[in-house]
Amino acid sequence: MKEKIRKSLQQYLGVYLIMIASFFLLLTITSLIPSSMLKNNIQESVSYLKTIGDREFIPLEYKREQLFIYTDEVMLNTAYSIDSTDPIYSFMTAKTCYIPGVTKIIYTDNGKEVPEGSQYATYAKSQQLELMINEKIDEAFEYARYWHGYLIFLRPLLIFFSYPTLRILSTICFLALTLWCIWLIMKKINFYTAIAFLIALLVTYIPIASSSLNEITCYYIAIITSIIILLRKNSSMPITIFFFIVGGVTSFLDFFTNPIVTLAIPFTIYWLLRQKKQKVSWKEELLLCLKVFVSWGVGYLLIWFSKWVLMDLLYGRNIIKIAIEQIVYRMIGGETENYQAYTILDILKRNFNFWGKHSYISVVCIGILVAVYGFFKNKIWKKKIELTEIIPYILLFILPIAWMIVCGNHSIWHAFFVYRIFCIMVFTFLIIIGKLFGIYGGNTNEKKTRKKC
């Protein structure tokens, strides 16, 4: 047992070190690109952003969708502020509004993107970006508590495309990957699961979010991870290590938007494939679920924590303290906030309001139709239902609620994009209905046994 634990820890340590080295290398390479090569497309982006504002509102038939353009503006600003003459320091401190030779004051990360003491604190992000591109701002602001891993894609792309074009490309790429994933689900699992997955994405309006670079990041990771799982054949890598990597990559690329989708969606796909191949006891199901959840969480937090430690060791920024304060803030909020007195019910109500009653009522109706169809077609009253098979999906179903409760402040302030994690609930809800009413039938091993008999 001790030997097994030692080997497992060695595996985790090796993977962790490879991830850190890879992240450093990729950020260093892309930070060597001179910002002058991005200038024309950043200028074009500024003109476009000034017509939108920090949020874009999209009217739909029953609701109004919001896209958080604010963070996209921060991403563009950070990408242009990289100083290619000092790449490592530049990507580690992740400054905005930085202009070599012009910047006079650099505010270190104190938990706010622009400190209240700055003369630019009230400026819109598009205004700050415009001032920077025209070299009319002399203050810069560090945003060092995140890895800003998106820079490995964004900086090279900005050489060729402006922000409006990137939004279109993002939507096209996301839809292409989604269709590929749906096709693989149909091929490897069944048609019903593919439709359930499609419904989960559509009723939470994720295709609309694909034009927001920061909001769609985690869904990209979730889709690509699901594709890898569906294509994976007899891999020697333990699934716990695999999700440790997924958690680390999420921490590297994401701005703390909806990270749990990179755990829940791919793991749901994995478990459906597993159940199709073999029958597992409920104890094994529960144990493996917990192992995967913990591995993903450790990967996510360890990579994030590593950035804080490196900042403190290399540059003495006291980021560990600031980052922990921000995490606590995102959980319980601040004393002077409007939503300080919120309850769990307030959090859920606000997120369901942003989702829209037409959306979740339609999901319930679909579930009822599937249940009725399965009940009569499969003559459920004559069959024994394996309730233990749905244990993983029940855990995944409640995961979004648990996330919203734990990250209460984040979930209530950013409900306009946090609510999209309900896609996990929709997907697992339809799977649970399918399992209970015979849509999935027996597992592969059981079918083989029946044929032999």
Protein backbone atom coordinates (compact mmCIF):
# COMPACT_ATOMS: atom_id res chain seq x y z
CA MET A 1 0.00 0.00 0.00
CA LYS A 2 2.80 2.43 0.96
CA GLU A 3 4.64 1.65 -2.26
CA LYS A 4 1.49 2.30 -4.28
CA ILE A 5 0.94 5.67 -2.57
CA ARG A 6 4.60 6.61 -3.12
CA LYS A 7 4.39 5.83 -6.85
CA SER A 8 1.13 7.75 -7.14
CA LEU A 9 2.63 10.81 -5.45
CA GLN A 10 5.64 10.61 -7.77
CA GLN A 11 3.30 10.59 -10.75
CA TYR A 12 1.44 13.64 -9.50
CA LEU A 13 4.69 15.47 -8.76
CA GLY A 14 6.11 14.66 -12.19
CA VAL A 15 2.95 15.83 -13.98
CA TYR A 16 2.84 18.99 -11.84
CA LEU A 17 6.45 19.91 -12.68
CA ILE A 18 5.86 19.26 -16.39
CA MET A 19 2.79 21.52 -16.31
CA ILE A 20 4.63 24.38 -14.58
CA ALA A 21 7.58 24.09 -16.98
CA SER A 22 5.24 23.97 -20.00
CA PHE A 23 3.25 26.99 -18.84
CA PHE A 24 6.43 29.00 -18.28
CA LEU A 25 7.84 28.02 -21.66
CA LEU A 26 4.65 28.83 -23.59
CA LEU A 27 4.18 32.20 -21.88
CA THR A 28 7.84 33.09 -22.40
CA ILE A 29 7.71 32.28 -26.12
CA THR A 30 4.53 34.28 -26.77
CA SER A 31 5.76 37.17 -24.61
CA LEU A 32 8.76 37.54 -26.92
CA ILE A 33 6.39 38.83 -29.63
CA PRO A 34 6.83 42.64 -29.80
CA SER A 35 3.63 44.49 -28.94
CA SER A 36 4.17 46.69 -31.99
CA MET A 37 3.05 43.68 -34.08
CA LEU A 38 -0.32 43.81 -32.29
CA LYS A 39 -0.84 47.56 -32.49
CA ASN A 40 -2.96 47.85 -35.65
CA ASN A 41 -5.42 45.19 -34.54
CA ILE A 42 -5.59 46.61 -31.02
CA GLN A 43 -6.41 50.04 -32.48
CA GLU A 44 -9.17 48.52 -34.60
CA SER A 45 -10.43 46.66 -31.53
CA VAL A 46 -10.64 49.89 -29.51
CA SER A 47 -12.90 51.51 -32.11
CA TYR A 48 -15.19 48.50 -31.96
CA LEU A 49 -15.21 48.23 -28.15
CA LYS A 50 -16.21 51.87 -27.74
CA THR A 51 -19.50 51.05 -29.49
CA ILE A 52 -20.32 48.21 -27.05
CA GLY A 53 -19.32 49.16 -23.52
CA ASP A 54 -18.34 46.82 -20.67
CA ARG A 55 -21.38 44.60 -21.25
CA GLU A 56 -23.14 43.60 -24.43
CA PHE A 57 -26.89 43.02 -24.22
CA ILE A 58 -28.51 40.58 -26.63
CA PRO A 59 -32.33 40.64 -26.73
CA LEU A 60 -33.99 37.23 -27.09
CA GLU A 61 -37.66 36.32 -27.27
CA TYR A 62 -38.13 35.64 -23.55
CA LYS A 63 -35.07 37.23 -21.96
CA ARG A 64 -32.03 39.43 -22.48
CA GLU A 65 -28.59 37.84 -22.55
CA GLN A 66 -25.49 39.63 -21.25
CA LEU A 67 -21.88 39.15 -22.33
CA PHE A 68 -19.11 40.39 -20.04
CA ILE A 69 -16.97 42.40 -22.46
CA TYR A 70 -15.18 44.06 -19.50
CA THR A 71 -12.88 41.06 -18.96
CA ASP A 72 -12.18 40.75 -22.69
CA GLU A 73 -10.96 44.35 -22.59
CA VAL A 74 -8.66 43.48 -19.69
CA MET A 75 -7.32 40.53 -21.71
CA LEU A 76 -6.58 42.73 -24.74
CA ASN A 77 -4.93 45.35 -22.53
CA THR A 78 -2.75 42.72 -20.82
CA ALA A 79 -1.76 41.24 -24.18
CA TYR A 80 -0.59 44.62 -25.48
CA SER A 81 1.12 45.59 -22.20
CA ILE A 82 3.60 42.70 -22.39
CA ASP A 83 7.16 43.99 -22.72
CA SER A 84 9.02 41.61 -25.05
CA THR A 85 12.41 42.84 -23.75
CA ASP A 86 11.64 41.34 -20.33
CA PRO A 87 9.18 38.51 -21.08
CA ILE A 88 9.19 36.53 -17.81
CA TYR A 89 8.79 39.53 -15.52
CA SER A 90 6.20 40.89 -17.90
CA PHE A 91 3.88 37.85 -18.00
CA MET A 92 4.37 37.14 -14.30
CA THR A 93 3.27 40.62 -13.21
CA ALA A 94 0.58 40.77 -15.93
CA LYS A 95 0.31 44.54 -16.13
CA THR A 96 -2.36 46.53 -17.93
CA CYS A 97 -1.81 50.00 -19.43
CA TYR A 98 1.95 49.50 -19.38
CA ILE A 99 4.01 51.45 -21.92
CA PRO A 100 7.81 51.03 -21.78
CA GLY A 101 9.47 54.42 -21.37
CA VAL A 102 6.15 56.19 -20.71
CA THR A 103 4.79 54.53 -17.57
CA LYS A 104 5.76 56.45 -14.41
CA ILE A 105 3.71 54.67 -11.74
CA ILE A 106 3.08 50.93 -11.44
CA TYR A 107 0.44 49.84 -8.95
CA THR A 108 1.02 46.34 -7.62
CA ASP A 109 -1.89 43.91 -7.38
CA ASN A 110 -3.95 44.84 -4.32
CA GLY A 111 -7.11 42.94 -5.21
CA LYS A 112 -8.47 45.56 -7.63
CA GLU A 113 -7.64 45.93 -11.31
CA VAL A 114 -7.34 49.72 -10.91
CA PRO A 115 -6.80 51.03 -7.35
CA GLU A 116 -9.08 53.81 -6.12
CA GLY A 117 -6.07 56.12 -5.71
CA SER A 118 -5.41 56.14 -9.45
CA GLN A 119 -6.63 59.06 -11.55
CA TYR A 120 -7.88 56.44 -14.05
CA ALA A 121 -10.01 54.49 -11.54
CA THR A 122 -13.29 55.74 -13.04
CA TYR A 123 -12.27 55.28 -16.68
CA ALA A 124 -14.01 52.59 -18.73
CA LYS A 125 -11.77 49.73 -19.85
CA SER A 126 -12.09 50.76 -23.50
CA GLN A 127 -10.94 54.28 -22.53
CA GLN A 128 -7.90 52.89 -20.73
CA LEU A 129 -7.09 50.76 -23.76
CA GLU A 130 -7.41 53.76 -26.07
CA LEU A 131 -5.17 55.90 -23.86
CA MET A 132 -2.57 53.14 -23.78
CA ILE A 133 -2.51 52.59 -27.53
CA ASN A 134 -2.05 56.35 -28.00
CA GLU A 135 0.57 56.45 -25.21
CA LYS A 136 -1.43 58.97 -23.17
CA ILE A 137 -1.52 57.08 -19.88
CA ASP A 138 1.38 57.02 -17.44
CA GLU A 139 0.06 54.56 -14.85
CA ALA A 140 0.12 50.77 -15.08
CA PHE A 141 -1.66 48.18 -12.97
CA GLU A 142 -0.52 44.66 -12.10
CA TYR A 143 -3.02 41.80 -12.15
CA ALA A 144 -0.62 39.12 -10.96
CA ARG A 145 -2.82 36.71 -9.02
CA TYR A 146 -3.88 34.89 -12.21
CA TRP A 147 -1.67 33.04 -14.68
CA HIS A 148 -3.25 34.75 -17.72
CA GLY A 149 -2.55 31.62 -19.73
CA TYR A 150 -4.92 32.80 -22.47
CA LEU A 151 -2.01 34.99 -23.63
CA ILE A 152 -0.42 31.98 -25.35
CA PHE A 153 -3.32 32.07 -27.83
CA LEU A 154 -4.39 35.71 -27.75
CA ARG A 155 -1.05 37.40 -28.47
CA PRO A 156 -0.25 35.40 -31.64
CA LEU A 157 -3.85 35.78 -32.87
CA LEU A 158 -3.79 39.56 -32.38
CA ILE A 159 -0.99 39.77 -34.93
CA PHE A 160 -3.49 38.74 -37.61
CA PHE A 161 -6.96 39.56 -36.28
CA SER A 162 -8.76 42.32 -34.41
CA TYR A 163 -11.15 41.64 -31.53
CA PRO A 164 -14.41 41.60 -33.60
CA THR A 165 -12.88 39.04 -35.96
CA LEU A 166 -11.64 36.97 -33.02
CA ARG A 167 -15.17 36.86 -31.65
CA ILE A 168 -16.47 35.43 -34.94
CA LEU A 169 -13.61 32.91 -35.12
CA SER A 170 -14.23 31.86 -31.53
CA THR A 171 -17.88 31.13 -32.28
CA ILE A 172 -17.03 29.17 -35.44
CA CYS A 173 -14.35 27.11 -33.68
CA PHE A 174 -16.56 26.43 -30.67
CA LEU A 175 -19.48 25.29 -32.81
CA ALA A 176 -17.19 23.06 -34.89
CA LEU A 177 -15.73 21.41 -31.77
CA THR A 178 -19.21 21.02 -30.27
CA LEU A 179 -20.54 19.29 -33.40
CA TRP A 180 -17.51 16.97 -33.39
CA CYS A 181 -18.13 16.17 -29.72
CA ILE A 182 -21.83 15.49 -30.35
CA TRP A 183 -20.97 13.18 -33.25
CA LEU A 184 -18.49 11.25 -31.06
CA ILE A 185 -21.06 10.97 -28.25
CA MET A 186 -23.59 9.60 -30.75
CA LYS A 187 -21.02 7.10 -32.03
CA LYS A 188 -19.47 6.01 -28.70
CA ILE A 189 -22.47 6.24 -26.34
CA ASN A 190 -25.86 6.73 -28.01
CA PHE A 191 -28.12 9.16 -29.84
CA TYR A 192 -30.08 10.09 -26.71
CA THR A 193 -26.96 11.28 -24.86
CA ALA A 194 -25.90 13.37 -27.86
CA ILE A 195 -29.30 15.10 -27.91
CA ALA A 196 -29.21 15.59 -24.11
CA PHE A 197 -25.79 17.23 -24.45
CA LEU A 198 -27.01 19.50 -27.24
CA ILE A 199 -30.08 20.51 -25.22
CA ALA A 200 -27.90 21.29 -22.19
CA LEU A 201 -25.79 23.70 -24.26
CA LEU A 202 -28.71 25.34 -26.05
CA VAL A 203 -31.01 25.98 -23.07
CA THR A 204 -28.17 27.66 -21.15
CA TYR A 205 -27.28 29.82 -24.18
CA ILE A 206 -23.65 28.72 -24.27
CA PRO A 207 -23.34 29.16 -28.08
CA ILE A 208 -24.12 32.86 -27.53
CA ALA A 209 -21.34 33.06 -24.92
CA SER A 210 -18.84 31.72 -27.47
CA SER A 211 -18.28 35.27 -28.72
CA SER A 212 -17.02 36.34 -25.28
CA LEU A 213 -13.39 35.25 -24.99
CA ASN A 214 -13.35 35.06 -21.19
CA GLU A 215 -16.78 33.46 -20.73
CA ILE A 216 -16.25 30.65 -23.22
CA THR A 217 -12.79 29.53 -22.04
CA CYS A 218 -13.99 26.85 -19.60
CA TYR A 219 -16.50 25.50 -22.11
CA TYR A 220 -13.72 25.16 -24.67
CA ILE A 221 -11.71 23.16 -22.12
CA ALA A 222 -14.77 21.04 -21.27
CA ILE A 223 -15.54 20.24 -24.92
CA ILE A 224 -11.91 19.47 -25.86
CA THR A 225 -11.46 17.31 -22.74
CA SER A 226 -14.67 15.42 -23.59
CA ILE A 227 -13.38 14.82 -27.14
CA ILE A 228 -10.10 13.46 -25.76
CA ILE A 229 -12.01 11.10 -23.44
CA LEU A 230 -14.20 9.91 -26.31
CA LEU A 231 -11.15 9.27 -28.52
CA ARG A 232 -9.05 7.77 -25.71
CA LYS A 233 -8.27 4.08 -26.22
CA ASN A 234 -6.69 1.96 -23.47
CA SER A 235 -4.67 4.87 -22.11
CA SER A 236 -2.16 3.98 -19.42
CA MET A 237 -2.74 7.31 -17.69
CA PRO A 238 -5.00 6.95 -14.61
CA ILE A 239 -8.20 8.95 -14.90
CA THR A 240 -7.34 10.75 -11.65
CA ILE A 241 -4.08 12.03 -13.13
CA PHE A 242 -5.95 13.03 -16.28
CA PHE A 243 -8.38 15.20 -14.31
CA PHE A 244 -5.50 16.59 -12.23
CA ILE A 245 -4.11 17.92 -15.52
CA VAL A 246 -7.53 19.25 -16.58
CA GLY A 247 -7.83 21.14 -13.28
CA GLY A 248 -4.35 22.62 -13.74
CA VAL A 249 -5.00 23.70 -17.33
CA THR A 250 -8.28 25.31 -16.24
CA SER A 251 -6.47 27.28 -13.54
CA PHE A 252 -3.85 28.37 -16.08
CA LEU A 253 -6.29 29.60 -18.73
CA ASP A 254 -9.37 30.76 -16.83
CA PHE A 255 -10.30 34.00 -15.05
CA PHE A 256 -12.38 32.18 -12.39
CA THR A 257 -15.54 32.22 -14.48
CA ASN A 258 -17.19 28.76 -14.47
CA PRO A 259 -14.31 26.33 -13.84
CA ILE A 260 -16.39 23.39 -12.60
CA VAL A 261 -17.73 22.69 -16.10
CA THR A 262 -14.25 21.39 -16.99
CA LEU A 263 -14.74 18.74 -14.31
CA ALA A 264 -18.44 17.93 -14.58
CA ILE A 265 -19.06 17.71 -18.34
CA PRO A 266 -16.04 15.52 -19.23
CA PHE A 267 -16.50 13.33 -16.16
CA THR A 268 -20.13 12.72 -17.10
CA ILE A 269 -18.97 11.57 -20.54
CA TYR A 270 -16.29 9.39 -18.97
CA TRP A 271 -18.74 7.74 -16.60
CA LEU A 272 -21.25 6.97 -19.34
CA LEU A 273 -18.49 5.25 -21.31
CA ARG A 274 -17.38 3.35 -18.21
CA GLN A 275 -20.89 2.11 -17.42
CA LYS A 276 -21.31 0.99 -21.02
CA LYS A 277 -18.24 -1.23 -20.70
CA GLN A 278 -18.57 -2.67 -17.20
CA LYS A 279 -20.75 -2.91 -14.13
CA VAL A 280 -19.29 -1.22 -11.03
CA SER A 281 -20.49 -1.48 -7.43
CA TRP A 282 -21.94 1.64 -5.84
CA LYS A 283 -18.99 1.81 -3.42
CA GLU A 284 -16.51 1.79 -6.30
CA GLU A 285 -18.60 4.41 -8.10
CA LEU A 286 -18.64 6.70 -5.10
CA LEU A 287 -14.93 6.23 -4.34
CA LEU A 288 -13.85 6.94 -7.92
CA CYS A 289 -16.09 10.03 -8.08
CA LEU A 290 -14.49 11.42 -4.93
CA LYS A 291 -10.98 10.63 -6.19
CA VAL A 292 -11.61 12.43 -9.49
CA PHE A 293 -13.24 15.43 -7.79
CA VAL A 294 -10.30 15.75 -5.39
CA SER A 295 -7.69 15.29 -8.15
CA TRP A 296 -9.28 17.98 -10.29
CA GLY A 297 -9.55 20.33 -7.29
CA VAL A 298 -5.96 19.76 -6.23
CA GLY A 299 -4.75 20.37 -9.79
CA TYR A 300 -6.76 23.58 -10.04
CA LEU A 301 -5.73 24.99 -6.66
CA LEU A 302 -2.11 23.82 -6.78
CA ILE A 303 -1.39 25.48 -10.13
CA TRP A 304 -3.11 28.68 -8.98
CA PHE A 305 -1.26 28.65 -5.64
CA SER A 306 2.03 28.10 -7.47
CA LYS A 307 1.60 31.44 -9.26
CA TRP A 308 1.19 33.24 -5.93
CA VAL A 309 4.24 31.51 -4.41
CA LEU A 310 6.40 32.29 -7.44
CA MET A 311 5.33 35.94 -7.39
CA ASP A 312 6.20 36.23 -3.71
CA LEU A 313 9.54 34.41 -4.04
CA LEU A 314 10.73 36.11 -7.22
CA TYR A 315 9.27 39.60 -6.85
CA GLY A 316 8.19 40.00 -3.21
CA ARG A 317 4.62 41.00 -4.09
CA ASN A 318 2.74 39.41 -1.14
CA ILE A 319 0.31 37.88 -3.63
CA ILE A 320 -0.54 34.90 -1.40
CA LYS A 321 -2.22 37.18 1.15
CA ILE A 322 -4.00 39.25 -1.51
CA ALA A 323 -5.20 36.20 -3.45
CA ILE A 324 -6.56 34.47 -0.35
CA GLU A 325 -8.37 37.68 0.62
CA GLN A 326 -9.92 37.75 -2.86
CA ILE A 327 -11.02 34.12 -2.60
CA VAL A 328 -12.69 34.83 0.74
CA TYR A 329 -14.26 37.92 -0.82
CA ARG A 330 -15.63 35.85 -3.71
CA MET A 331 -17.13 33.48 -1.17
CA ILE A 332 -18.71 35.83 1.37
CA GLY A 333 -18.34 39.35 -0.07
CA GLY A 334 -17.50 42.61 1.64
CA GLU A 335 -19.16 44.50 4.46
CA THR A 336 -20.36 47.45 2.37
CA GLU A 337 -21.83 45.55 -0.57
CA ASN A 338 -25.44 45.56 -1.67
CA TYR A 339 -25.54 41.78 -1.66
CA GLN A 340 -23.81 41.29 1.68
CA ALA A 341 -26.97 40.01 3.41
CA TYR A 342 -27.80 37.45 0.70
CA THR A 343 -29.01 33.98 1.60
CA ILE A 344 -28.59 30.70 -0.27
CA LEU A 345 -32.11 31.18 -1.58
CA ASP A 346 -31.17 34.66 -2.89
CA ILE A 347 -28.19 33.22 -4.75
CA LEU A 348 -30.22 30.48 -6.40
CA LYS A 349 -33.14 32.77 -7.19
CA ARG A 350 -30.89 35.34 -8.88
CA ASN A 351 -29.20 32.68 -11.02
CA PHE A 352 -32.49 31.05 -11.99
CA ASN A 353 -33.86 34.51 -12.88
CA PHE A 354 -30.96 35.08 -15.26
CA TRP A 355 -31.48 31.63 -16.72
CA GLY A 356 -35.15 32.35 -17.37
CA LYS A 357 -38.22 30.35 -16.42
CA HIS A 358 -38.98 29.39 -20.04
CA SER A 359 -35.61 27.61 -20.15
CA TYR A 360 -35.89 25.48 -17.03
CA ILE A 361 -39.59 24.76 -17.54
CA SER A 362 -38.80 23.48 -21.04
CA VAL A 363 -36.13 21.17 -19.56
CA VAL A 364 -38.62 19.75 -17.05
CA CYS A 365 -41.14 19.20 -19.87
CA ILE A 366 -38.53 17.37 -21.97
CA GLY A 367 -37.68 15.22 -18.95
CA ILE A 368 -41.36 14.32 -18.45
CA LEU A 369 -41.76 13.40 -22.14
CA VAL A 370 -38.68 11.15 -22.01
CA ALA A 371 -39.95 9.54 -18.81
CA VAL A 372 -43.39 8.83 -20.29
CA TYR A 373 -41.88 7.48 -23.52
CA GLY A 374 -39.44 5.25 -21.65
CA PHE A 375 -42.05 4.06 -19.17
CA PHE A 376 -44.39 2.65 -21.81
CA LYS A 377 -41.87 1.63 -24.49
CA ASN A 378 -39.58 -0.23 -22.09
CA LYS A 379 -42.38 -1.47 -19.76
CA ILE A 380 -40.51 -0.20 -16.73
CA TRP A 381 -43.02 -1.74 -14.31
CA LYS A 382 -41.71 -5.18 -15.34
CA LYS A 383 -38.03 -4.33 -14.86
CA LYS A 384 -35.73 -3.89 -11.91
CA ILE A 385 -34.23 -0.40 -11.83
CA GLU A 386 -30.55 -0.17 -10.83
CA LEU A 387 -30.67 2.96 -8.69
CA THR A 388 -26.96 2.68 -7.87
CA GLU A 389 -26.14 3.48 -11.51
CA ILE A 390 -27.31 7.06 -11.09
CA ILE A 391 -25.16 7.88 -8.01
CA PRO A 392 -22.42 9.68 -10.03
CA TYR A 393 -25.00 11.72 -11.95
CA ILE A 394 -26.78 12.77 -8.75
CA LEU A 395 -23.45 14.04 -7.37
CA LEU A 396 -22.78 15.91 -10.61
CA PHE A 397 -26.34 17.26 -10.66
CA ILE A 398 -25.93 18.96 -7.26
CA LEU A 399 -22.42 20.21 -8.05
CA PRO A 400 -23.54 23.56 -9.57
CA ILE A 401 -25.70 24.31 -6.52
CA ALA A 402 -22.80 23.48 -4.19
CA TRP A 403 -20.50 25.73 -6.26
CA MET A 404 -22.94 28.64 -6.10
CA ILE A 405 -23.31 28.27 -2.35
CA VAL A 406 -19.56 28.08 -1.70
CA CYS A 407 -18.76 30.97 -4.08
CA GLY A 408 -21.76 33.02 -2.99
CA ASN A 409 -20.43 36.49 -3.72
CA HIS A 410 -19.12 35.49 -7.14
CA SER A 411 -22.35 33.69 -7.99
CA ILE A 412 -24.63 36.57 -7.06
CA TRP A 413 -22.59 39.41 -8.59
CA HIS A 414 -21.82 37.49 -11.78
CA ALA A 415 -25.08 35.55 -12.05
CA PHE A 416 -25.46 36.73 -15.66
CA PHE A 417 -22.74 34.24 -16.67
CA VAL A 418 -22.50 31.92 -13.64
CA TYR A 419 -26.02 30.61 -14.31
CA ARG A 420 -24.67 28.83 -17.39
CA ILE A 421 -23.25 26.09 -15.14
CA PHE A 422 -26.85 24.88 -15.03
CA CYS A 423 -25.86 23.09 -18.26
CA ILE A 424 -24.37 20.45 -15.91
CA MET A 425 -27.72 20.03 -14.17
CA VAL A 426 -29.61 19.81 -17.46
CA PHE A 427 -27.23 17.20 -18.91
CA THR A 428 -27.18 15.01 -15.79
CA PHE A 429 -30.94 15.43 -15.22
CA LEU A 430 -31.69 14.05 -18.69
CA ILE A 431 -29.20 11.21 -18.14
CA ILE A 432 -30.81 10.32 -14.81
CA ILE A 433 -34.24 10.24 -16.49
CA GLY A 434 -32.79 8.09 -19.27
CA LYS A 435 -31.25 5.67 -16.77
CA LEU A 436 -34.42 5.40 -14.68
CA PHE A 437 -36.71 4.82 -17.65
CA GLY A 438 -34.68 2.36 -19.66
CA ILE A 439 -33.32 4.62 -22.41
CA TYR A 440 -29.79 3.28 -21.80
CA GLY A 441 -30.73 -0.37 -21.32
CA GLY A 442 -28.23 -2.74 -19.68
CA ASN A 443 -24.46 -2.41 -19.72
CA THR A 444 -22.26 -4.14 -22.31
CA ASN A 445 -21.20 -7.02 -20.09
CA GLU A 446 -24.80 -7.85 -19.21
CA LYS A 447 -25.79 -7.92 -22.90
CA LYS A 448 -22.91 -10.26 -23.74
CA THR A 449 -23.92 -12.61 -20.91
CA ARG A 450 -27.52 -12.72 -22.13
CA LYS A 451 -26.37 -13.56 -25.68
CA LYS A 452 -24.18 -16.45 -24.47
CA CYS A 453 -27.05 -17.88 -22.45
